[in-house]
Amino acid sequence: MSTLAPYVGALAAFLASLSYVPQVRKARPRGSTDDLSLGMLTALTLGLTLWIVYGAIKGVWVIVGSNVVGAALAGAVLGCKLRDLKCHSHKRGTKP
């Protein structure tokens, strides 16, 4: 049974990493991140980044690999959120 553990871990990591793809696709159009929490996205991206560090310290490739993908995708959504916040602040500043 323990010989299955790496495969189960790899499959779980793959599926968890893929779960961010639809959110990235939704966040790409400008102005589409209003319902997303900046605090949640920041905490998620930072947490995933810390999992990368933990996985590297422990030498567990499944932890590192899955969290690299997850952090990159969560970071992309965070970047879209920051873009939209910047765009909204510029719009507010130009109103009469």
C-alpha atoms as a PDB file:
ATOM      1  CA  MET A   1       0.000   0.000   0.000  1.00  0.00           C
ATOM      2  CA  SER A   2       2.848   2.414   0.756  1.00  0.00           C
ATOM      3  CA  THR A   3       4.076   2.006  -2.821  1.00  0.00           C
ATOM      4  CA  LEU A   4       0.889   3.790  -3.953  1.00  0.00           C
ATOM      5  CA  ALA A   5       1.520   6.809  -1.717  1.00  0.00           C
ATOM      6  CA  PRO A   6       3.730   8.740  -4.182  1.00  0.00           C
ATOM      7  CA  TYR A   7       1.193   8.231  -6.967  1.00  0.00           C
ATOM      8  CA  VAL A   8      -1.736   9.278  -4.810  1.00  0.00           C
ATOM      9  CA  GLY A   9       0.244  12.339  -3.695  1.00  0.00           C
ATOM     10  CA  ALA A  10       1.177  13.227  -7.269  1.00  0.00           C
ATOM     11  CA  LEU A  11      -2.418  12.865  -8.453  1.00  0.00           C
ATOM     12  CA  ALA A  12      -3.708  14.945  -5.548  1.00  0.00           C
ATOM     13  CA  ALA A  13      -1.096  17.622  -6.254  1.00  0.00           C
ATOM     14  CA  PHE A  14      -1.953  17.658  -9.955  1.00  0.00           C
ATOM     15  CA  LEU A  15      -5.689  18.008  -9.351  1.00  0.00           C
ATOM     16  CA  ALA A  16      -5.265  20.637  -6.619  1.00  0.00           C
ATOM     17  CA  SER A  17      -2.981  22.654  -8.884  1.00  0.00           C
ATOM     18  CA  LEU A  18      -5.431  22.441 -11.777  1.00  0.00           C
ATOM     19  CA  SER A  19      -8.204  23.780  -9.577  1.00  0.00           C
ATOM     20  CA  TYR A  20      -6.750  27.289  -9.926  1.00  0.00           C
ATOM     21  CA  VAL A  21      -6.950  27.350 -13.726  1.00  0.00           C
ATOM     22  CA  PRO A  22     -10.660  28.286 -13.964  1.00  0.00           C
ATOM     23  CA  GLN A  23     -10.142  31.138 -11.508  1.00  0.00           C
ATOM     24  CA  VAL A  24      -7.233  32.487 -13.555  1.00  0.00           C
ATOM     25  CA  ARG A  25      -9.360  32.342 -16.700  1.00  0.00           C
ATOM     26  CA  LYS A  26     -12.170  34.237 -14.943  1.00  0.00           C
ATOM     27  CA  ALA A  27      -9.816  36.861 -13.525  1.00  0.00           C
ATOM     28  CA  ARG A  28      -8.034  37.715 -16.789  1.00  0.00           C
ATOM     29  CA  PRO A  29     -10.631  40.119 -18.248  1.00  0.00           C
ATOM     30  CA  ARG A  30     -10.213  43.603 -16.779  1.00  0.00           C
ATOM     31  CA  GLY A  31     -12.589  44.477 -13.949  1.00  0.00           C
ATOM     32  CA  SER A  32     -13.533  40.864 -13.261  1.00  0.00           C
ATOM     33  CA  THR A  33     -11.995  40.484  -9.800  1.00  0.00           C
ATOM     34  CA  ASP A  34     -14.350  42.689  -7.777  1.00  0.00           C
ATOM     35  CA  ASP A  35     -15.743  39.709  -5.865  1.00  0.00           C
ATOM     36  CA  LEU A  36     -12.308  38.371  -4.920  1.00  0.00           C
ATOM     37  CA  SER A  37     -10.729  39.230  -1.590  1.00  0.00           C
ATOM     38  CA  LEU A  38      -7.291  40.853  -1.776  1.00  0.00           C
ATOM     39  CA  GLY A  39      -6.482  39.537   1.702  1.00  0.00           C
ATOM     40  CA  MET A  40      -7.438  35.970   0.793  1.00  0.00           C
ATOM     41  CA  LEU A  41      -5.419  36.034  -2.431  1.00  0.00           C
ATOM     42  CA  THR A  42      -2.401  37.483  -0.635  1.00  0.00           C
ATOM     43  CA  ALA A  43      -2.606  34.915   2.182  1.00  0.00           C
ATOM     44  CA  LEU A  44      -3.113  32.049  -0.279  1.00  0.00           C
ATOM     45  CA  THR A  45      -0.151  33.055  -2.452  1.00  0.00           C
ATOM     46  CA  LEU A  46       2.086  33.552   0.590  1.00  0.00           C
ATOM     47  CA  GLY A  47       0.932  30.255   2.131  1.00  0.00           C
ATOM     48  CA  LEU A  48       1.630  28.328  -1.068  1.00  0.00           C
ATOM     49  CA  THR A  49       5.045  29.970  -1.306  1.00  0.00           C
ATOM     50  CA  LEU A  50       5.826  28.849   2.239  1.00  0.00           C
ATOM     51  CA  TRP A  51       4.769  25.297   1.309  1.00  0.00           C
ATOM     52  CA  ILE A  52       7.374  25.447  -1.487  1.00  0.00           C
ATOM     53  CA  VAL A  53      10.036  26.382   1.060  1.00  0.00           C
ATOM     54  CA  TYR A  54       8.852  23.626   3.413  1.00  0.00           C
ATOM     55  CA  GLY A  55       8.862  21.044   0.624  1.00  0.00           C
ATOM     56  CA  ALA A  56      12.354  22.092  -0.426  1.00  0.00           C
ATOM     57  CA  ILE A  57      13.620  21.826   3.153  1.00  0.00           C
ATOM     58  CA  LYS A  58      12.081  18.362   3.491  1.00  0.00           C
ATOM     59  CA  GLY A  59      13.114  17.322  -0.033  1.00  0.00           C
ATOM     60  CA  VAL A  60       9.587  16.287  -1.040  1.00  0.00           C
ATOM     61  CA  TRP A  61       9.157  16.967  -4.774  1.00  0.00           C
ATOM     62  CA  VAL A  62       5.375  16.529  -4.752  1.00  0.00           C
ATOM     63  CA  ILE A  63       4.976  19.345  -2.231  1.00  0.00           C
ATOM     64  CA  VAL A  64       7.363  21.604  -4.121  1.00  0.00           C
ATOM     65  CA  GLY A  65       5.958  20.896  -7.584  1.00  0.00           C
ATOM     66  CA  SER A  66       2.299  21.246  -6.759  1.00  0.00           C
ATOM     67  CA  ASN A  67       2.795  24.397  -4.771  1.00  0.00           C
ATOM     68  CA  VAL A  68       4.958  26.011  -7.446  1.00  0.00           C
ATOM     69  CA  VAL A  69       2.073  25.585  -9.872  1.00  0.00           C
ATOM     70  CA  GLY A  70      -0.499  26.674  -7.285  1.00  0.00           C
ATOM     71  CA  ALA A  71       1.515  29.722  -6.204  1.00  0.00           C
ATOM     72  CA  ALA A  72       2.067  30.776  -9.811  1.00  0.00           C
ATOM     73  CA  LEU A  73      -1.642  30.513 -10.621  1.00  0.00           C
ATOM     74  CA  ALA A  74      -2.750  32.153  -7.356  1.00  0.00           C
ATOM     75  CA  GLY A  75      -0.142  34.853  -7.982  1.00  0.00           C
ATOM     76  CA  ALA A  76      -1.598  35.412 -11.443  1.00  0.00           C
ATOM     77  CA  VAL A  77      -5.059  35.944  -9.938  1.00  0.00           C
ATOM     78  CA  LEU A  78      -3.519  38.235  -7.300  1.00  0.00           C
ATOM     79  CA  GLY A  79      -1.843  40.192 -10.091  1.00  0.00           C
ATOM     80  CA  CYS A  80      -5.194  40.557 -11.878  1.00  0.00           C
ATOM     81  CA  LYS A  81      -6.776  41.764  -8.627  1.00  0.00           C
ATOM     82  CA  LEU A  82      -4.027  44.357  -8.124  1.00  0.00           C
ATOM     83  CA  ARG A  83      -4.399  45.441 -11.764  1.00  0.00           C
ATOM     84  CA  ASP A  84      -8.132  45.929 -11.279  1.00  0.00           C
ATOM     85  CA  LEU A  85      -7.647  47.829  -8.013  1.00  0.00           C
ATOM     86  CA  LYS A  86      -5.178  50.142  -9.726  1.00  0.00           C
ATOM     87  CA  CYS A  87      -7.565  50.634 -12.637  1.00  0.00           C
ATOM     88  CA  HIS A  88     -10.466  51.436 -10.270  1.00  0.00           C
ATOM     89  CA  SER A  89      -8.379  53.937  -8.306  1.00  0.00           C
ATOM     90  CA  HIS A  90      -7.405  55.723 -11.524  1.00  0.00           C
ATOM     91  CA  LYS A  91     -11.017  55.865 -12.631  1.00  0.00           C
ATOM     92  CA  ARG A  92     -12.081  57.366  -9.307  1.00  0.00           C
ATOM     93  CA  GLY A  93      -9.311  59.929  -9.505  1.00  0.00           C
ATOM     94  CA  THR A  94     -10.422  61.158 -12.932  1.00  0.00           C
ATOM     95  CA  LYS A  95     -14.069  61.735 -12.058  1.00  0.00           C
ATOM     96  CA  PRO A  96     -15.134  65.387 -11.787  1.00  0.00           C
END
